[in-house]
Amino acid sequence: MLEGKVLRDFNDKENNLKHYEADGKTKFRAEDKRYNELKAKGYVEEGKEVETKKNK
């Protein structure tokens, strides 16, 4: 799972169109494939690996 700051406002089509704002504070977290898909489109910054309950 990756997490990083939002660079451009977007509505996440895979999460009931949840709105994410590029305000410098908002972070986005998703599975690696989904995160990298949004990173390639310029919506999120380079992500950092985060712990999940499943990983512990």
N, C-alpha and C. Protein backbone atom coordinates (compact mmCIF):
# COMPACT_ATOMS: atom_id res chain seq x y z
N MET A 1 0.85 -1.17 0.00
CA MET A 1 0.00 0.00 0.00
C MET A 1 0.90 1.23 0.00
N LEU A 2 0.54 2.22 -0.83
CA LEU A 2 1.30 3.45 -0.94
C LEU A 2 0.46 4.63 -0.48
N GLU A 3 1.16 5.68 0.00
CA GLU A 3 0.48 6.90 0.44
C GLU A 3 1.34 8.09 0.05
N GLY A 4 0.67 9.16 -0.39
CA GLY A 4 1.38 10.40 -0.73
C GLY A 4 0.41 11.54 -0.87
N LYS A 5 0.96 12.74 -1.04
CA LYS A 5 0.14 13.94 -1.15
C LYS A 5 -0.54 14.04 -2.51
N VAL A 6 -1.71 14.66 -2.49
CA VAL A 6 -2.47 14.90 -3.71
C VAL A 6 -1.91 16.15 -4.39
N LEU A 7 -1.62 16.06 -5.69
CA LEU A 7 -1.06 17.18 -6.44
C LEU A 7 -2.11 17.94 -7.25
N ARG A 8 -3.17 17.24 -7.67
CA ARG A 8 -4.26 17.85 -8.44
C ARG A 8 -5.59 17.33 -7.90
N ASP A 9 -6.58 18.22 -7.80
CA ASP A 9 -7.91 17.81 -7.34
C ASP A 9 -8.46 16.70 -8.23
N PHE A 10 -9.11 15.73 -7.61
CA PHE A 10 -9.79 14.69 -8.39
C PHE A 10 -10.86 14.01 -7.56
N ASN A 11 -11.79 13.36 -8.24
CA ASN A 11 -12.81 12.53 -7.61
C ASN A 11 -12.45 11.08 -7.93
N ASP A 12 -12.30 10.29 -6.88
CA ASP A 12 -11.87 8.90 -7.04
C ASP A 12 -13.03 8.03 -7.51
N LYS A 13 -13.01 7.64 -8.76
CA LYS A 13 -14.10 6.84 -9.34
C LYS A 13 -14.21 5.46 -8.70
N GLU A 14 -13.16 4.98 -8.05
CA GLU A 14 -13.21 3.67 -7.42
C GLU A 14 -13.60 3.74 -5.95
N ASN A 15 -13.89 4.94 -5.45
CA ASN A 15 -14.29 5.11 -4.05
C ASN A 15 -15.50 6.04 -3.98
N ASN A 16 -16.55 5.69 -4.69
CA ASN A 16 -17.81 6.44 -4.65
C ASN A 16 -17.62 7.92 -4.96
N LEU A 17 -16.70 8.23 -5.88
CA LEU A 17 -16.37 9.59 -6.32
C LEU A 17 -15.94 10.51 -5.17
N LYS A 18 -15.26 9.93 -4.17
CA LYS A 18 -14.74 10.73 -3.06
C LYS A 18 -13.81 11.81 -3.62
N HIS A 19 -13.99 13.04 -3.14
CA HIS A 19 -13.21 14.19 -3.64
C HIS A 19 -11.92 14.35 -2.84
N TYR A 20 -10.83 14.51 -3.55
CA TYR A 20 -9.52 14.78 -2.95
C TYR A 20 -9.04 16.13 -3.45
N GLU A 21 -8.60 17.00 -2.54
CA GLU A 21 -8.14 18.34 -2.91
C GLU A 21 -6.63 18.45 -2.81
N ALA A 22 -6.05 19.20 -3.73
CA ALA A 22 -4.61 19.45 -3.73
C ALA A 22 -4.33 20.68 -2.86
N ASP A 23 -4.49 20.52 -1.56
CA ASP A 23 -4.31 21.65 -0.64
C ASP A 23 -2.99 21.58 0.13
N GLY A 24 -2.13 20.64 -0.20
CA GLY A 24 -0.86 20.49 0.47
C GLY A 24 -0.92 19.64 1.73
N LYS A 25 -2.13 19.29 2.18
CA LYS A 25 -2.29 18.48 3.38
C LYS A 25 -2.95 17.14 3.09
N THR A 26 -3.81 17.11 2.09
CA THR A 26 -4.58 15.91 1.78
C THR A 26 -3.67 14.80 1.24
N LYS A 27 -3.84 13.61 1.82
CA LYS A 27 -3.07 12.45 1.38
C LYS A 27 -4.01 11.42 0.78
N PHE A 28 -3.47 10.65 -0.14
CA PHE A 28 -4.22 9.58 -0.79
C PHE A 28 -3.51 8.28 -0.53
N ARG A 29 -4.27 7.25 -0.21
CA ARG A 29 -3.71 5.92 0.08
C ARG A 29 -4.45 4.89 -0.77
N ALA A 30 -3.68 4.00 -1.39
CA ALA A 30 -4.29 2.95 -2.22
C ALA A 30 -3.28 1.82 -2.43
N GLU A 31 -3.78 0.73 -2.97
CA GLU A 31 -2.91 -0.38 -3.35
C GLU A 31 -1.94 0.12 -4.41
N ASP A 32 -0.78 -0.51 -4.50
CA ASP A 32 0.29 -0.06 -5.38
C ASP A 32 -0.17 0.19 -6.82
N LYS A 33 -0.89 -0.74 -7.40
CA LYS A 33 -1.32 -0.61 -8.80
C LYS A 33 -2.19 0.63 -9.01
N ARG A 34 -3.17 0.82 -8.15
CA ARG A 34 -4.08 1.96 -8.25
C ARG A 34 -3.33 3.27 -8.01
N TYR A 35 -2.46 3.29 -7.00
CA TYR A 35 -1.70 4.49 -6.69
C TYR A 35 -0.82 4.89 -7.88
N ASN A 36 -0.12 3.92 -8.43
CA ASN A 36 0.78 4.21 -9.56
C ASN A 36 0.02 4.66 -10.80
N GLU A 37 -1.20 4.18 -10.98
CA GLU A 37 -2.05 4.62 -12.08
C GLU A 37 -2.34 6.12 -11.95
N LEU A 38 -2.69 6.57 -10.74
CA LEU A 38 -2.98 7.99 -10.52
C LEU A 38 -1.71 8.84 -10.55
N LYS A 39 -0.60 8.27 -10.10
CA LYS A 39 0.68 8.99 -10.15
C LYS A 39 1.07 9.25 -11.59
N ALA A 40 0.88 8.28 -12.46
CA ALA A 40 1.22 8.42 -13.88
C ALA A 40 0.40 9.52 -14.55
N LYS A 41 -0.80 9.76 -14.03
CA LYS A 41 -1.67 10.80 -14.57
C LYS A 41 -1.44 12.16 -13.91
N GLY A 42 -0.53 12.20 -12.92
CA GLY A 42 -0.16 13.47 -12.28
C GLY A 42 -1.04 13.90 -11.13
N TYR A 43 -1.84 13.00 -10.58
CA TYR A 43 -2.74 13.37 -9.49
C TYR A 43 -2.10 13.29 -8.11
N VAL A 44 -1.10 12.42 -7.94
CA VAL A 44 -0.46 12.25 -6.64
C VAL A 44 1.06 12.22 -6.81
N GLU A 45 1.76 12.55 -5.72
CA GLU A 45 3.22 12.55 -5.75
C GLU A 45 3.76 11.13 -5.61
N GLU A 46 5.08 11.01 -5.65
CA GLU A 46 5.74 9.72 -5.42
C GLU A 46 5.29 9.20 -4.07
N GLY A 47 4.78 7.99 -4.02
CA GLY A 47 4.23 7.44 -2.79
C GLY A 47 5.26 6.74 -1.92
N LYS A 48 4.94 6.64 -0.65
CA LYS A 48 5.78 5.91 0.30
C LYS A 48 5.00 4.70 0.77
N GLU A 49 5.70 3.61 0.96
CA GLU A 49 5.09 2.37 1.45
C GLU A 49 4.58 2.61 2.87
N VAL A 50 3.35 2.19 3.16
CA VAL A 50 2.78 2.33 4.50
C VAL A 50 2.34 0.97 5.01
N GLU A 51 2.37 0.83 6.31
CA GLU A 51 1.94 -0.40 6.97
C GLU A 51 0.42 -0.52 6.92
N THR A 52 -0.05 -1.71 6.72
CA THR A 52 -1.48 -1.98 6.81
C THR A 52 -1.67 -3.06 7.87
N LYS A 53 -2.86 -3.20 8.34
CA LYS A 53 -3.14 -4.23 9.35
C LYS A 53 -2.79 -5.60 8.81
N LYS A 54 -2.99 -5.78 7.50
CA LYS A 54 -2.71 -7.07 6.86
C LYS A 54 -1.21 -7.36 6.86
N ASN A 55 -0.37 -6.31 6.79
CA ASN A 55 1.09 -6.48 6.76
C ASN A 55 1.69 -6.76 8.12
N LYS A 56 1.00 -6.40 9.18
CA LYS A 56 1.56 -6.53 10.53
C LYS A 56 1.54 -7.95 11.04
